Amino acid sequence: MEEDAPRYKEGISYLMWGGWLFGFAGLHRFYLGKPWTGILWLCTWGLGGVGQIYDLITMHRQVDEANLLEEARAMRRGDFSGPRRSAQQRLLDAALAEGGTLTVTQAARVTGLDFTAAETLLRDMVAKGYVDVGNEPESGVVVYYFPELRAQRRLKDDPPQIL
């Protein structure tokens, strides 16, 4: 499972909602971490069907809320360091930390992707003109250069003088 994948899935919620058709109302509420209303729905056949219809209409929002609540709980436990970051964002952070350059190995390490997927992501950025590619002079290792981050690093170290 990918690191950034949400815990609760909308498709599974709808599938469990369908248990109502077989006499098992409220299964989706148990799945979404709402056991008390799950018991209520189970005992009352989804509040006579009205609650089930309401849940069908609001399922997307309920899944989003359950995922946000899970993120908040993880942050409280210290399991989660911040907002979810895409693989490209993690590459940019790593490139900035490395002075505006990255190798495929470094990219795979920071994104959690395999080497092929990391290289594909970097090549896509090259094709779009965001990144340049070259070789390190001493070892010949393929290096991806992030020109804007390299310039930012220089500007940070040596701020421009105001005339």
Protein backbone atom coordinates (compact mmCIF):
# COMPACT_ATOMS: atom_id res chain seq x y z
CA MET A 1 0.00 0.00 0.00
CA GLU A 2 1.35 3.43 -0.88
CA GLU A 3 2.23 5.69 2.02
CA ASP A 4 -0.15 8.46 0.95
CA ALA A 5 -3.16 6.23 0.36
CA PRO A 6 -6.17 7.09 2.55
CA ARG A 7 -7.20 4.50 5.10
CA TYR A 8 -10.91 4.57 4.31
CA LYS A 9 -12.04 3.91 0.74
CA GLU A 10 -15.25 5.18 -0.77
CA GLY A 11 -15.83 2.00 -2.78
CA ILE A 12 -15.63 -0.20 0.29
CA SER A 13 -18.03 2.14 2.12
CA TYR A 14 -20.59 1.87 -0.67
CA LEU A 15 -20.17 -1.91 -0.76
CA MET A 16 -20.81 -2.12 2.98
CA TRP A 17 -23.74 0.27 2.63
CA GLY A 18 -25.20 -2.36 0.28
CA GLY A 19 -25.39 -4.77 3.21
CA TRP A 20 -28.63 -2.94 4.02
CA LEU A 21 -30.27 -4.76 1.11
CA PHE A 22 -29.56 -8.04 2.92
CA GLY A 23 -30.69 -6.88 6.36
CA PHE A 24 -27.33 -5.61 7.62
CA ALA A 25 -27.80 -1.85 7.82
CA GLY A 26 -25.00 0.31 9.19
CA LEU A 27 -21.99 -1.83 8.26
CA HIS A 28 -20.48 1.20 6.53
CA ARG A 29 -20.75 3.16 9.78
CA PHE A 30 -18.75 0.51 11.66
CA TYR A 31 -16.15 0.66 8.87
CA LEU A 32 -15.94 4.48 9.09
CA GLY A 33 -15.32 4.37 12.85
CA LYS A 34 -18.85 5.21 14.01
CA PRO A 35 -19.75 2.15 16.10
CA TRP A 36 -22.58 3.72 18.12
CA THR A 37 -24.53 4.85 15.08
CA GLY A 38 -23.61 1.57 13.43
CA ILE A 39 -25.41 -0.28 16.24
CA LEU A 40 -28.37 2.11 15.95
CA TRP A 41 -28.58 1.56 12.18
CA LEU A 42 -28.27 -2.22 12.63
CA CYS A 43 -31.07 -2.36 15.23
CA THR A 44 -33.46 -0.01 13.37
CA TRP A 45 -32.73 -1.15 9.81
CA GLY A 46 -31.00 2.15 9.05
CA LEU A 47 -33.59 4.30 10.86
CA GLY A 48 -36.28 2.74 8.74
CA GLY A 49 -34.24 3.32 5.58
CA VAL A 50 -34.16 7.12 5.96
CA GLY A 51 -30.69 7.08 7.55
CA GLN A 52 -29.44 4.70 4.90
CA ILE A 53 -30.62 6.99 2.08
CA TYR A 54 -29.05 9.98 3.85
CA ASP A 55 -25.78 8.05 4.12
CA LEU A 56 -25.91 7.12 0.45
CA ILE A 57 -26.13 10.81 -0.46
CA THR A 58 -23.42 11.94 1.98
CA MET A 59 -21.04 8.96 1.71
CA HIS A 60 -18.25 10.92 -0.03
CA ARG A 61 -18.20 13.53 2.75
CA GLN A 62 -18.32 10.87 5.48
CA VAL A 63 -15.33 9.03 4.00
CA ASP A 64 -13.37 12.30 3.75
CA GLU A 65 -14.20 13.15 7.36
CA ALA A 66 -13.15 9.69 8.57
CA ASN A 67 -9.81 10.02 6.75
CA LEU A 68 -9.21 13.50 8.18
CA LEU A 69 -10.03 12.26 11.67
CA GLU A 70 -7.61 9.37 11.22
CA GLU A 71 -4.87 11.79 10.13
CA ALA A 72 -5.53 13.97 13.19
CA ARG A 73 -5.29 10.94 15.49
CA ALA A 74 -2.02 9.88 13.85
CA MET A 75 -0.61 13.38 14.28
CA ARG A 76 -1.57 13.34 17.94
CA ARG A 77 0.25 10.00 18.38
CA GLY A 78 3.27 11.44 16.55
CA ASP A 79 2.95 8.94 13.70
CA PHE A 80 2.48 11.61 11.09
CA SER A 81 4.83 14.54 10.61
CA GLY A 82 2.72 16.84 8.48
CA PRO A 83 0.51 17.21 5.46
CA ARG A 84 0.71 14.53 2.82
CA ARG A 85 3.29 15.31 0.20
CA SER A 86 3.37 14.03 -3.34
CA ALA A 87 6.40 12.21 -4.71
CA GLN A 88 7.32 15.34 -6.70
CA GLN A 89 7.15 17.50 -3.57
CA ARG A 90 9.40 15.06 -1.70
CA LEU A 91 11.84 15.15 -4.63
CA LEU A 92 11.93 18.95 -4.49
CA ASP A 93 12.58 18.92 -0.74
CA ALA A 94 15.41 16.42 -1.19
CA ALA A 95 16.91 18.34 -4.12
CA LEU A 96 16.88 21.54 -2.10
CA ALA A 97 18.62 19.79 0.77
CA GLU A 98 21.23 18.41 -1.67
CA GLY A 99 22.03 21.78 -3.24
CA GLY A 100 19.74 21.37 -6.24
CA THR A 101 20.91 17.95 -7.46
CA LEU A 102 19.60 14.40 -7.10
CA THR A 103 20.53 10.95 -8.31
CA VAL A 104 18.01 8.21 -9.06
CA THR A 105 19.07 6.40 -5.89
CA GLN A 106 18.41 9.48 -3.77
CA ALA A 107 15.06 9.99 -5.51
CA ALA A 108 14.03 6.39 -4.83
CA ARG A 109 15.04 6.74 -1.18
CA VAL A 110 13.07 9.92 -0.47
CA THR A 111 9.94 9.00 -2.42
CA GLY A 112 9.68 5.34 -1.45
CA LEU A 113 9.32 4.45 -5.13
CA ASP A 114 11.34 1.73 -6.83
CA PHE A 115 14.26 2.81 -9.03
CA THR A 116 12.31 2.57 -12.29
CA ALA A 117 9.40 4.64 -11.00
CA ALA A 118 11.73 7.25 -9.47
CA GLU A 119 13.68 7.53 -12.73
CA THR A 120 10.44 7.83 -14.71
CA LEU A 121 9.31 10.66 -12.45
CA LEU A 122 12.62 12.47 -12.88
CA ARG A 123 12.62 11.97 -16.67
CA ASP A 124 9.09 13.35 -16.83
CA MET A 125 10.32 16.46 -15.03
CA VAL A 126 13.20 16.69 -17.54
CA ALA A 127 10.77 16.39 -20.47
CA LYS A 128 8.68 19.23 -19.07
CA GLY A 129 11.77 21.43 -18.67
CA TYR A 130 11.81 21.62 -14.89
CA VAL A 131 14.99 19.58 -14.45
CA ASP A 132 18.25 19.14 -16.38
CA VAL A 133 20.19 15.89 -16.58
CA GLY A 134 23.93 15.29 -16.74
CA ASN A 135 26.74 13.23 -15.29
CA GLU A 136 28.91 13.83 -12.28
CA PRO A 137 32.43 14.46 -13.62
CA GLU A 138 34.31 12.13 -11.26
CA SER A 139 32.08 9.05 -11.13
CA GLY A 140 29.91 9.42 -14.22
CA VAL A 141 26.77 8.94 -12.15
CA VAL A 142 23.63 10.36 -13.78
CA VAL A 143 22.61 13.50 -11.89
CA TYR A 144 19.41 15.48 -12.19
CA TYR A 145 19.87 19.23 -11.73
CA PHE A 146 17.10 21.47 -10.45
CA PRO A 147 18.28 24.87 -11.79
CA GLU A 148 15.84 26.99 -9.81
CA LEU A 149 16.77 25.27 -6.56
CA ARG A 150 20.48 25.64 -7.30
CA ALA A 151 19.95 29.36 -7.96
CA GLN A 152 17.91 29.69 -4.77
CA ARG A 153 20.71 28.02 -2.81
CA ARG A 154 23.24 30.50 -4.22
CA LEU A 155 20.93 33.44 -3.50
CA LYS A 156 20.43 32.25 0.05
CA ASP A 157 24.17 31.89 0.63
CA ASP A 158 25.11 35.12 -1.17
CA PRO A 159 22.19 37.59 -1.14
CA PRO A 160 22.14 40.22 -3.91
CA GLN A 161 23.39 43.64 -3.03
CA ILE A 162 21.03 46.59 -3.31
CA LEU A 163 22.51 49.50 -5.22
